[in-house]
Amino acid sequence: MNNQEYVAIAIAAVEAIAQATPVVIEDIKALLKPIKEGRAPTAAEWDFAQQQLDDGNAAVQAG
């Protein structure tokens, strides 16, 4: 690979991460809610968080 190919890959990765950022923020908010309330996350909250992470990861991998 040449430098232009590396730059193109890096740009695509940064764009994918930027697109996934709102998902990550929502995931963090979902996990902070029970902590702020002084309790453990419910199964539904954990499932939501895991799905958000999976969706974000898929978006980054898709580029």
PDB file of N, CA and C in Angstrom:
ATOM      1  N   MET A   1       0.832  -1.186   0.000  1.00  0.00           N
ATOM      2  CA  MET A   1       0.000   0.000   0.000  1.00  0.00           C
ATOM      3  C   MET A   1       0.873   1.246   0.000  1.00  0.00           C
ATOM      4  N   ASN A   2       0.381   2.246  -0.675  1.00  0.00           N
ATOM      5  CA  ASN A   2       1.108   3.513  -0.657  1.00  0.00           C
ATOM      6  C   ASN A   2       0.463   4.463   0.356  1.00  0.00           C
ATOM      7  N   ASN A   3       1.085   5.618   0.516  1.00  0.00           N
ATOM      8  CA  ASN A   3       0.596   6.582   1.506  1.00  0.00           C
ATOM      9  C   ASN A   3      -0.833   7.030   1.232  1.00  0.00           C
ATOM     10  N   GLN A   4      -1.190   7.207  -0.025  1.00  0.00           N
ATOM     11  CA  GLN A   4      -2.552   7.638  -0.355  1.00  0.00           C
ATOM     12  C   GLN A   4      -3.575   6.597   0.086  1.00  0.00           C
ATOM     13  N   GLU A   5      -3.229   5.324  -0.049  1.00  0.00           N
ATOM     14  CA  GLU A   5      -4.144   4.270   0.386  1.00  0.00           C
ATOM     15  C   GLU A   5      -4.291   4.275   1.905  1.00  0.00           C
ATOM     16  N   TYR A   6      -3.186   4.459   2.616  1.00  0.00           N
ATOM     17  CA  TYR A   6      -3.238   4.551   4.078  1.00  0.00           C
ATOM     18  C   TYR A   6      -4.074   5.747   4.516  1.00  0.00           C
ATOM     19  N   VAL A   7      -3.889   6.879   3.836  1.00  0.00           N
ATOM     20  CA  VAL A   7      -4.649   8.086   4.175  1.00  0.00           C
ATOM     21  C   VAL A   7      -6.142   7.845   3.937  1.00  0.00           C
ATOM     22  N   ALA A   8      -6.479   7.207   2.839  1.00  0.00           N
ATOM     23  CA  ALA A   8      -7.882   6.918   2.538  1.00  0.00           C
ATOM     24  C   ALA A   8      -8.492   6.004   3.599  1.00  0.00           C
ATOM     25  N   ILE A   9      -7.740   5.002   4.027  1.00  0.00           N
ATOM     26  CA  ILE A   9      -8.223   4.088   5.070  1.00  0.00           C
ATOM     27  C   ILE A   9      -8.391   4.842   6.385  1.00  0.00           C
ATOM     28  N   ALA A  10      -7.421   5.676   6.715  1.00  0.00           N
ATOM     29  CA  ALA A  10      -7.490   6.455   7.958  1.00  0.00           C
ATOM     30  C   ALA A  10      -8.689   7.401   7.934  1.00  0.00           C
ATOM     31  N   ILE A  11      -8.925   8.048   6.822  1.00  0.00           N
ATOM     32  CA  ILE A  11     -10.061   8.960   6.710  1.00  0.00           C
ATOM     33  C   ILE A  11     -11.368   8.187   6.877  1.00  0.00           C
ATOM     34  N   ALA A  12     -11.479   7.058   6.228  1.00  0.00           N
ATOM     35  CA  ALA A  12     -12.695   6.246   6.347  1.00  0.00           C
ATOM     36  C   ALA A  12     -12.913   5.797   7.790  1.00  0.00           C
ATOM     37  N   ALA A  13     -11.841   5.428   8.477  1.00  0.00           N
ATOM     38  CA  ALA A  13     -11.957   4.996   9.870  1.00  0.00           C
ATOM     39  C   ALA A  13     -12.409   6.145  10.766  1.00  0.00           C
ATOM     40  N   VAL A  14     -11.825   7.313  10.578  1.00  0.00           N
ATOM     41  CA  VAL A  14     -12.205   8.476  11.391  1.00  0.00           C
ATOM     42  C   VAL A  14     -13.659   8.857  11.110  1.00  0.00           C
ATOM     43  N   GLU A  15     -14.077   8.811   9.860  1.00  0.00           N
ATOM     44  CA  GLU A  15     -15.469   9.118   9.527  1.00  0.00           C
ATOM     45  C   GLU A  15     -16.421   8.123  10.179  1.00  0.00           C
ATOM     46  N   ALA A  16     -16.063   6.841  10.143  1.00  0.00           N
ATOM     47  CA  ALA A  16     -16.910   5.811  10.757  1.00  0.00           C
ATOM     48  C   ALA A  16     -17.002   6.008  12.265  1.00  0.00           C
ATOM     49  N   ILE A  17     -15.877   6.350  12.885  1.00  0.00           N
ATOM     50  CA  ILE A  17     -15.885   6.600  14.332  1.00  0.00           C
ATOM     51  C   ILE A  17     -16.742   7.822  14.644  1.00  0.00           C
ATOM     52  N   ALA A  18     -16.627   8.859  13.835  1.00  0.00           N
ATOM     53  CA  ALA A  18     -17.432  10.069  14.052  1.00  0.00           C
ATOM     54  C   ALA A  18     -18.916   9.752  13.929  1.00  0.00           C
ATOM     55  N   GLN A  19     -19.264   8.915  12.974  1.00  0.00           N
ATOM     56  CA  GLN A  19     -20.670   8.534  12.805  1.00  0.00           C
ATOM     57  C   GLN A  19     -21.153   7.690  13.977  1.00  0.00           C
ATOM     58  N   ALA A  20     -20.281   6.886  14.555  1.00  0.00           N
ATOM     59  CA  ALA A  20     -20.659   6.025  15.671  1.00  0.00           C
ATOM     60  C   ALA A  20     -20.696   6.771  16.996  1.00  0.00           C
ATOM     61  N   THR A  21     -20.128   7.961  17.055  1.00  0.00           N
ATOM     62  CA  THR A  21     -20.036   8.706  18.312  1.00  0.00           C
ATOM     63  C   THR A  21     -21.393   8.916  18.984  1.00  0.00           C
ATOM     64  N   PRO A  22     -22.447   9.309  18.267  1.00  0.00           N
ATOM     65  CA  PRO A  22     -23.743   9.464  18.947  1.00  0.00           C
ATOM     66  C   PRO A  22     -24.225   8.159  19.597  1.00  0.00           C
ATOM     67  N   VAL A  23     -23.945   7.047  18.961  1.00  0.00           N
ATOM     68  CA  VAL A  23     -24.329   5.747  19.526  1.00  0.00           C
ATOM     69  C   VAL A  23     -23.564   5.501  20.818  1.00  0.00           C
ATOM     70  N   VAL A  24     -22.288   5.790  20.807  1.00  0.00           N
ATOM     71  CA  VAL A  24     -21.458   5.598  21.997  1.00  0.00           C
ATOM     72  C   VAL A  24     -21.937   6.497  23.125  1.00  0.00           C
ATOM     73  N   ILE A  25     -22.274   7.733  22.798  1.00  0.00           N
ATOM     74  CA  ILE A  25     -22.753   8.668  23.823  1.00  0.00           C
ATOM     75  C   ILE A  25     -24.049   8.160  24.435  1.00  0.00           C
ATOM     76  N   GLU A  26     -24.974   7.683  23.619  1.00  0.00           N
ATOM     77  CA  GLU A  26     -26.224   7.143  24.151  1.00  0.00           C
ATOM     78  C   GLU A  26     -25.963   5.927  25.028  1.00  0.00           C
ATOM     79  N   ASP A  27     -25.003   5.116  24.638  1.00  0.00           N
ATOM     80  CA  ASP A  27     -24.646   3.946  25.431  1.00  0.00           C
ATOM     81  C   ASP A  27     -24.105   4.368  26.791  1.00  0.00           C
ATOM     82  N   ILE A  28     -23.236   5.346  26.804  1.00  0.00           N
ATOM     83  CA  ILE A  28     -22.662   5.843  28.058  1.00  0.00           C
ATOM     84  C   ILE A  28     -23.761   6.413  28.946  1.00  0.00           C
ATOM     85  N   LYS A  29     -24.657   7.197  28.357  1.00  0.00           N
ATOM     86  CA  LYS A  29     -25.767   7.760  29.137  1.00  0.00           C
ATOM     87  C   LYS A  29     -26.629   6.650  29.729  1.00  0.00           C
ATOM     88  N   ALA A  30     -26.897   5.615  28.935  1.00  0.00           N
ATOM     89  CA  ALA A  30     -27.732   4.509  29.409  1.00  0.00           C
ATOM     90  C   ALA A  30     -27.071   3.789  30.577  1.00  0.00           C
ATOM     91  N   LEU A  31     -25.758   3.643  30.534  1.00  0.00           N
ATOM     92  CA  LEU A  31     -25.060   2.954  31.617  1.00  0.00           C
ATOM     93  C   LEU A  31     -24.854   3.852  32.836  1.00  0.00           C
ATOM     94  N   LEU A  32     -24.753   5.156  32.633  1.00  0.00           N
ATOM     95  CA  LEU A  32     -24.579   6.063  33.762  1.00  0.00           C
ATOM     96  C   LEU A  32     -25.865   6.250  34.565  1.00  0.00           C
ATOM     97  N   LYS A  33     -27.003   6.124  33.909  1.00  0.00           N
ATOM     98  CA  LYS A  33     -28.276   6.334  34.591  1.00  0.00           C
ATOM     99  C   LYS A  33     -28.403   5.472  35.848  1.00  0.00           C
ATOM    100  N   PRO A  34     -28.259   4.143  35.760  1.00  0.00           N
ATOM    101  CA  PRO A  34     -28.402   3.352  36.981  1.00  0.00           C
ATOM    102  C   PRO A  34     -27.304   3.640  38.010  1.00  0.00           C
ATOM    103  N   ILE A  35     -26.122   3.955  37.546  1.00  0.00           N
ATOM    104  CA  ILE A  35     -25.027   4.271  38.471  1.00  0.00           C
ATOM    105  C   ILE A  35     -25.381   5.526  39.266  1.00  0.00           C
ATOM    106  N   LYS A  36     -25.897   6.538  38.562  1.00  0.00           N
ATOM    107  CA  LYS A  36     -26.304   7.767  39.236  1.00  0.00           C
ATOM    108  C   LYS A  36     -27.444   7.509  40.220  1.00  0.00           C
ATOM    109  N   GLU A  37     -28.272   6.518  39.902  1.00  0.00           N
ATOM    110  CA  GLU A  37     -29.390   6.169  40.775  1.00  0.00           C
ATOM    111  C   GLU A  37     -28.965   5.217  41.889  1.00  0.00           C
ATOM    112  N   GLY A  38     -27.698   4.837  41.898  1.00  0.00           N
ATOM    113  CA  GLY A  38     -27.184   3.973  42.956  1.00  0.00           C
ATOM    114  C   GLY A  38     -27.626   2.530  42.850  1.00  0.00           C
ATOM    115  N   ARG A  39     -27.803   2.060  41.633  1.00  0.00           N
ATOM    116  CA  ARG A  39     -28.235   0.672  41.440  1.00  0.00           C
ATOM    117  C   ARG A  39     -27.478   0.054  40.272  1.00  0.00           C
ATOM    118  N   ALA A  40     -27.583  -1.240  40.175  1.00  0.00           N
ATOM    119  CA  ALA A  40     -26.974  -1.950  39.047  1.00  0.00           C
ATOM    120  C   ALA A  40     -27.896  -1.821  37.830  1.00  0.00           C
ATOM    121  N   PRO A  41     -27.330  -1.846  36.634  1.00  0.00           N
ATOM    122  CA  PRO A  41     -28.176  -1.812  35.434  1.00  0.00           C
ATOM    123  C   PRO A  41     -29.084  -3.038  35.378  1.00  0.00           C
ATOM    124  N   THR A  42     -30.280  -2.844  34.869  1.00  0.00           N
ATOM    125  CA  THR A  42     -31.201  -3.959  34.666  1.00  0.00           C
ATOM    126  C   THR A  42     -30.729  -4.774  33.461  1.00  0.00           C
ATOM    127  N   ALA A  43     -31.314  -5.928  33.292  1.00  0.00           N
ATOM    128  CA  ALA A  43     -30.985  -6.758  32.122  1.00  0.00           C
ATOM    129  C   ALA A  43     -31.300  -6.004  30.839  1.00  0.00           C
ATOM    130  N   ALA A  44     -32.405  -5.282  30.823  1.00  0.00           N
ATOM    131  CA  ALA A  44     -32.784  -4.519  29.629  1.00  0.00           C
ATOM    132  C   ALA A  44     -31.771  -3.411  29.336  1.00  0.00           C
ATOM    133  N   GLU A  45     -31.276  -2.751  30.383  1.00  0.00           N
ATOM    134  CA  GLU A  45     -30.272  -1.703  30.192  1.00  0.00           C
ATOM    135  C   GLU A  45     -28.969  -2.285  29.669  1.00  0.00           C
ATOM    136  N   TRP A  46     -28.575  -3.437  30.191  1.00  0.00           N
ATOM    137  CA  TRP A  46     -27.362  -4.092  29.687  1.00  0.00           C
ATOM    138  C   TRP A  46     -27.545  -4.523  28.245  1.00  0.00           C
ATOM    139  N   ASP A  47     -28.731  -5.084  27.930  1.00  0.00           N
ATOM    140  CA  ASP A  47     -28.998  -5.506  26.554  1.00  0.00           C
ATOM    141  C   ASP A  47     -28.937  -4.324  25.594  1.00  0.00           C
ATOM    142  N   PHE A  48     -29.524  -3.187  26.013  1.00  0.00           N
ATOM    143  CA  PHE A  48     -29.487  -1.978  25.194  1.00  0.00           C
ATOM    144  C   PHE A  48     -28.044  -1.531  24.973  1.00  0.00           C
ATOM    145  N   ALA A  49     -27.271  -1.513  26.048  1.00  0.00           N
ATOM    146  CA  ALA A  49     -25.871  -1.085  25.953  1.00  0.00           C
ATOM    147  C   ALA A  49     -25.090  -1.998  25.012  1.00  0.00           C
ATOM    148  N   GLN A  50     -25.290  -3.295  25.150  1.00  0.00           N
ATOM    149  CA  GLN A  50     -24.582  -4.245  24.288  1.00  0.00           C
ATOM    150  C   GLN A  50     -24.978  -4.058  22.831  1.00  0.00           C
ATOM    151  N   GLN A  51     -26.266  -3.856  22.577  1.00  0.00           N
ATOM    152  CA  GLN A  51     -26.716  -3.646  21.202  1.00  0.00           C
ATOM    153  C   GLN A  51     -26.125  -2.372  20.623  1.00  0.00           C
ATOM    154  N   GLN A  52     -26.066  -1.318  21.437  1.00  0.00           N
ATOM    155  CA  GLN A  52     -25.468  -0.063  20.983  1.00  0.00           C
ATOM    156  C   GLN A  52     -24.002  -0.284  20.612  1.00  0.00           C
ATOM    157  N   LEU A  53     -23.283  -1.008  21.453  1.00  0.00           N
ATOM    158  CA  LEU A  53     -21.872  -1.284  21.164  1.00  0.00           C
ATOM    159  C   LEU A  53     -21.720  -2.118  19.900  1.00  0.00           C
ATOM    160  N   ASP A  54     -22.583  -3.120  19.752  1.00  0.00           N
ATOM    161  CA  ASP A  54     -22.532  -3.959  18.551  1.00  0.00           C
ATOM    162  C   ASP A  54     -22.813  -3.134  17.297  1.00  0.00           C
ATOM    163  N   ASP A  55     -23.822  -2.264  17.375  1.00  0.00           N
ATOM    164  CA  ASP A  55     -24.161  -1.413  16.224  1.00  0.00           C
ATOM    165  C   ASP A  55     -23.015  -0.463  15.887  1.00  0.00           C
ATOM    166  N   GLY A  56     -22.425   0.137  16.919  1.00  0.00           N
ATOM    167  CA  GLY A  56     -21.296   1.034  16.694  1.00  0.00           C
ATOM    168  C   GLY A  56     -20.113   0.320  16.090  1.00  0.00           C
ATOM    169  N   ASN A  57     -19.830  -0.868  16.601  1.00  0.00           N
ATOM    170  CA  ASN A  57     -18.722  -1.660  16.065  1.00  0.00           C
ATOM    171  C   ASN A  57     -18.989  -2.035  14.609  1.00  0.00           C
ATOM    172  N   ALA A  58     -20.208  -2.427  14.301  1.00  0.00           N
ATOM    173  CA  ALA A  58     -20.532  -2.795  12.921  1.00  0.00           C
ATOM    174  C   ALA A  58     -20.353  -1.592  11.991  1.00  0.00           C
ATOM    175  N   ALA A  59     -20.757  -0.417  12.461  1.00  0.00           N
ATOM    176  CA  ALA A  59     -20.609   0.793  11.634  1.00  0.00           C
ATOM    177  C   ALA A  59     -19.145   1.096  11.375  1.00  0.00           C
ATOM    178  N   VAL A  60     -18.326   0.970  12.415  1.00  0.00           N
ATOM    179  CA  VAL A  60     -16.887   1.232  12.243  1.00  0.00           C
ATOM    180  C   VAL A  60     -16.269   0.196  11.310  1.00  0.00           C
ATOM    181  N   GLN A  61     -16.627  -1.065  11.475  1.00  0.00           N
ATOM    182  CA  GLN A  61     -16.073  -2.116  10.621  1.00  0.00           C
ATOM    183  C   GLN A  61     -16.497  -1.948   9.165  1.00  0.00           C
ATOM    184  N   ALA A  62     -17.712  -1.452   8.956  1.00  0.00           N
ATOM    185  CA  ALA A  62     -18.218  -1.255   7.582  1.00  0.00           C
ATOM    186  C   ALA A  62     -17.517  -0.100   6.894  1.00  0.00           C
ATOM    187  N   GLY A  63     -16.997   0.838   7.709  1.00  0.00           N
ATOM    188  CA  GLY A  63     -16.278   1.970   7.129  1.00  0.00           C
ATOM    189  C   GLY A  63     -17.225   2.871   6.454  1.00  0.00           C
TER     190      GLY A  63
END
